[in-house]
Amino acid sequence: MKTPRRSKTMEQQARYYEVPDMEIYMYETYLNGNFTDLKRMYMELNCKNRRAFITYVMTEVWEQERKGIIEAIL
């Protein structure tokens, strides 16, 4: 059984998932309705990068979707 990925940076995760921007990828995951995948990807990040994702959500995401994203990751 594979061990879970933990304490990774956004750059490491972007390389792992082969995407150019991890924050946008996580947001698009939420938009596609993959809430469990969003939570898993969020939990894989280290504390500093989790805060960076929350900052991205608070500044770049529509207000109606913010609540849903926060509920999905917590």
N, C-alpha and C. Protein backbone atom coordinates (compact mmCIF):
# COMPACT_ATOMS: atom_id res chain seq x y z
N MET A 1 0.84 -1.18 0.00
CA MET A 1 0.00 0.00 0.00
C MET A 1 0.89 1.24 0.00
N LYS A 2 0.56 2.20 -0.84
CA LYS A 2 1.34 3.42 -0.92
C LYS A 2 1.11 4.29 0.31
N THR A 3 2.16 4.95 0.73
CA THR A 3 2.00 5.89 1.84
C THR A 3 1.43 7.19 1.30
N PRO A 4 0.61 7.88 2.09
CA PRO A 4 0.02 9.13 1.60
C PRO A 4 1.07 10.22 1.45
N ARG A 5 0.87 11.07 0.49
CA ARG A 5 1.76 12.22 0.30
C ARG A 5 1.40 13.27 1.33
N ARG A 6 2.40 13.81 2.00
CA ARG A 6 2.17 14.83 3.01
C ARG A 6 3.31 15.84 2.98
N SER A 7 3.01 17.05 3.42
CA SER A 7 3.99 18.12 3.57
C SER A 7 4.73 18.43 2.28
N LYS A 8 4.00 18.54 1.21
CA LYS A 8 4.59 18.87 -0.08
C LYS A 8 4.31 20.34 -0.40
N THR A 9 5.18 20.93 -1.21
CA THR A 9 4.97 22.31 -1.65
C THR A 9 4.09 22.31 -2.89
N MET A 10 3.61 23.49 -3.24
CA MET A 10 2.79 23.64 -4.46
C MET A 10 3.58 23.19 -5.69
N GLU A 11 4.87 23.54 -5.73
CA GLU A 11 5.69 23.19 -6.88
C GLU A 11 5.86 21.67 -7.00
N GLN A 12 6.08 21.01 -5.87
CA GLN A 12 6.21 19.56 -5.89
C GLN A 12 4.91 18.90 -6.34
N GLN A 13 3.80 19.40 -5.86
CA GLN A 13 2.50 18.84 -6.23
C GLN A 13 2.21 19.10 -7.71
N ALA A 14 2.56 20.28 -8.20
CA ALA A 14 2.32 20.59 -9.61
C ALA A 14 3.11 19.63 -10.51
N ARG A 15 4.35 19.34 -10.13
CA ARG A 15 5.13 18.37 -10.90
C ARG A 15 4.51 16.98 -10.81
N TYR A 16 4.07 16.59 -9.62
CA TYR A 16 3.49 15.27 -9.43
C TYR A 16 2.22 15.09 -10.26
N TYR A 17 1.35 16.10 -10.27
CA TYR A 17 0.10 16.02 -11.02
C TYR A 17 0.24 16.50 -12.47
N GLU A 18 1.45 16.94 -12.83
CA GLU A 18 1.77 17.39 -14.19
C GLU A 18 0.85 18.52 -14.65
N VAL A 19 0.75 19.56 -13.81
CA VAL A 19 -0.04 20.75 -14.12
C VAL A 19 0.83 21.98 -13.94
N PRO A 20 0.53 23.07 -14.66
CA PRO A 20 1.36 24.27 -14.53
C PRO A 20 1.12 25.05 -13.23
N ASP A 21 -0.11 25.08 -12.73
CA ASP A 21 -0.43 25.85 -11.52
C ASP A 21 -1.34 25.03 -10.62
N MET A 22 -0.84 24.66 -9.48
CA MET A 22 -1.57 23.77 -8.57
C MET A 22 -2.82 24.43 -8.00
N GLU A 23 -2.75 25.72 -7.68
CA GLU A 23 -3.91 26.40 -7.10
C GLU A 23 -5.09 26.38 -8.07
N ILE A 24 -4.83 26.68 -9.32
CA ILE A 24 -5.89 26.67 -10.33
C ILE A 24 -6.41 25.25 -10.54
N TYR A 25 -5.52 24.28 -10.54
CA TYR A 25 -5.93 22.89 -10.70
C TYR A 25 -6.85 22.45 -9.56
N MET A 26 -6.51 22.85 -8.34
CA MET A 26 -7.35 22.49 -7.19
C MET A 26 -8.71 23.17 -7.29
N TYR A 27 -8.74 24.42 -7.73
CA TYR A 27 -10.00 25.14 -7.90
C TYR A 27 -10.85 24.47 -8.99
N GLU A 28 -10.23 24.10 -10.10
CA GLU A 28 -10.97 23.43 -11.17
C GLU A 28 -11.48 22.05 -10.72
N THR A 29 -10.73 21.40 -9.85
CA THR A 29 -11.18 20.12 -9.29
C THR A 29 -12.48 20.33 -8.53
N TYR A 30 -12.55 21.41 -7.75
CA TYR A 30 -13.78 21.73 -7.02
C TYR A 30 -14.92 22.01 -8.00
N LEU A 31 -14.65 22.80 -9.04
CA LEU A 31 -15.69 23.14 -10.01
C LEU A 31 -16.23 21.90 -10.72
N ASN A 32 -15.38 20.89 -10.90
CA ASN A 32 -15.81 19.66 -11.55
C ASN A 32 -16.57 18.73 -10.62
N GLY A 33 -16.65 19.10 -9.34
CA GLY A 33 -17.42 18.31 -8.40
C GLY A 33 -16.64 17.21 -7.70
N ASN A 34 -15.33 17.23 -7.82
CA ASN A 34 -14.48 16.21 -7.18
C ASN A 34 -14.04 16.70 -5.80
N PHE A 35 -14.98 16.73 -4.88
CA PHE A 35 -14.70 17.31 -3.56
C PHE A 35 -13.72 16.47 -2.76
N THR A 36 -13.79 15.16 -2.86
CA THR A 36 -12.86 14.31 -2.11
C THR A 36 -11.43 14.46 -2.65
N ASP A 37 -11.31 14.62 -3.96
CA ASP A 37 -9.98 14.85 -4.54
C ASP A 37 -9.41 16.18 -4.07
N LEU A 38 -10.25 17.20 -4.01
CA LEU A 38 -9.81 18.51 -3.53
C LEU A 38 -9.30 18.40 -2.10
N LYS A 39 -10.05 17.73 -1.25
CA LYS A 39 -9.64 17.58 0.14
C LYS A 39 -8.33 16.79 0.24
N ARG A 40 -8.19 15.74 -0.55
CA ARG A 40 -6.96 14.94 -0.54
C ARG A 40 -5.76 15.79 -0.97
N MET A 41 -5.92 16.56 -2.05
CA MET A 41 -4.83 17.41 -2.52
C MET A 41 -4.49 18.49 -1.49
N TYR A 42 -5.50 19.04 -0.84
CA TYR A 42 -5.26 20.05 0.19
C TYR A 42 -4.48 19.45 1.35
N MET A 43 -4.85 18.26 1.78
CA MET A 43 -4.18 17.63 2.91
C MET A 43 -2.74 17.23 2.58
N GLU A 44 -2.43 17.06 1.31
CA GLU A 44 -1.07 16.72 0.90
C GLU A 44 -0.11 17.90 1.01
N LEU A 45 -0.64 19.12 1.06
CA LEU A 45 0.20 20.31 1.12
C LEU A 45 0.75 20.54 2.52
N ASN A 46 1.90 21.22 2.59
CA ASN A 46 2.41 21.60 3.90
C ASN A 46 1.63 22.83 4.39
N CYS A 47 1.84 23.19 5.64
CA CYS A 47 1.04 24.24 6.28
C CYS A 47 1.13 25.58 5.54
N LYS A 48 2.33 25.96 5.14
CA LYS A 48 2.54 27.23 4.45
C LYS A 48 1.76 27.27 3.13
N ASN A 49 1.78 26.19 2.40
CA ASN A 49 1.09 26.14 1.12
C ASN A 49 -0.41 25.97 1.27
N ARG A 50 -0.87 25.40 2.36
CA ARG A 50 -2.31 25.38 2.64
C ARG A 50 -2.81 26.81 2.82
N ARG A 51 -2.04 27.60 3.58
CA ARG A 51 -2.40 29.01 3.77
C ARG A 51 -2.41 29.75 2.44
N ALA A 52 -1.43 29.44 1.58
CA ALA A 52 -1.37 30.09 0.27
C ALA A 52 -2.60 29.75 -0.56
N PHE A 53 -3.07 28.51 -0.48
CA PHE A 53 -4.27 28.14 -1.22
C PHE A 53 -5.50 28.87 -0.68
N ILE A 54 -5.62 28.97 0.65
CA ILE A 54 -6.74 29.69 1.24
C ILE A 54 -6.69 31.16 0.83
N THR A 55 -5.50 31.75 0.80
CA THR A 55 -5.35 33.14 0.35
C THR A 55 -5.80 33.27 -1.10
N TYR A 56 -5.42 32.31 -1.94
CA TYR A 56 -5.85 32.32 -3.34
C TYR A 56 -7.38 32.27 -3.42
N VAL A 57 -7.99 31.40 -2.63
CA VAL A 57 -9.45 31.27 -2.64
C VAL A 57 -10.10 32.58 -2.22
N MET A 58 -9.56 33.21 -1.17
CA MET A 58 -10.16 34.44 -0.66
C MET A 58 -10.02 35.62 -1.62
N THR A 59 -8.98 35.62 -2.44
CA THR A 59 -8.76 36.76 -3.33
C THR A 59 -9.23 36.54 -4.76
N GLU A 60 -9.23 35.30 -5.24
CA GLU A 60 -9.49 35.05 -6.66
C GLU A 60 -10.81 34.35 -6.97
N VAL A 61 -11.47 33.80 -5.98
CA VAL A 61 -12.65 32.97 -6.23
C VAL A 61 -13.92 33.76 -5.90
N TRP A 62 -14.96 33.52 -6.66
CA TRP A 62 -16.25 34.16 -6.41
C TRP A 62 -16.73 33.87 -5.00
N GLU A 63 -17.38 34.83 -4.42
CA GLU A 63 -17.83 34.72 -3.03
C GLU A 63 -18.74 33.52 -2.80
N GLN A 64 -19.61 33.22 -3.76
CA GLN A 64 -20.54 32.10 -3.60
C GLN A 64 -19.80 30.77 -3.53
N GLU A 65 -18.67 30.66 -4.21
CA GLU A 65 -17.94 29.40 -4.25
C GLU A 65 -16.96 29.25 -3.09
N ARG A 66 -16.58 30.35 -2.46
CA ARG A 66 -15.64 30.30 -1.34
C ARG A 66 -16.12 29.38 -0.23
N LYS A 67 -17.38 29.55 0.15
CA LYS A 67 -17.94 28.76 1.24
C LYS A 67 -17.89 27.27 0.90
N GLY A 68 -18.23 26.92 -0.31
CA GLY A 68 -18.22 25.53 -0.72
C GLY A 68 -16.83 24.93 -0.69
N ILE A 69 -15.83 25.69 -1.12
CA ILE A 69 -14.45 25.20 -1.11
C ILE A 69 -13.98 24.99 0.32
N ILE A 70 -14.24 25.96 1.19
CA ILE A 70 -13.83 25.85 2.59
C ILE A 70 -14.50 24.65 3.24
N GLU A 71 -15.79 24.45 2.98
CA GLU A 71 -16.49 23.30 3.55
C GLU A 71 -15.94 21.98 3.00
N ALA A 72 -15.55 21.97 1.74
CA ALA A 72 -15.04 20.74 1.13
C ALA A 72 -13.69 20.33 1.71
N ILE A 73 -12.84 21.31 2.04
CA ILE A 73 -11.51 20.96 2.53
C ILE A 73 -11.47 20.74 4.03
N LEU A 74 -12.48 21.23 4.74
CA LEU A 74 -12.49 21.02 6.19
C LEU A 74 -13.43 19.91 6.50
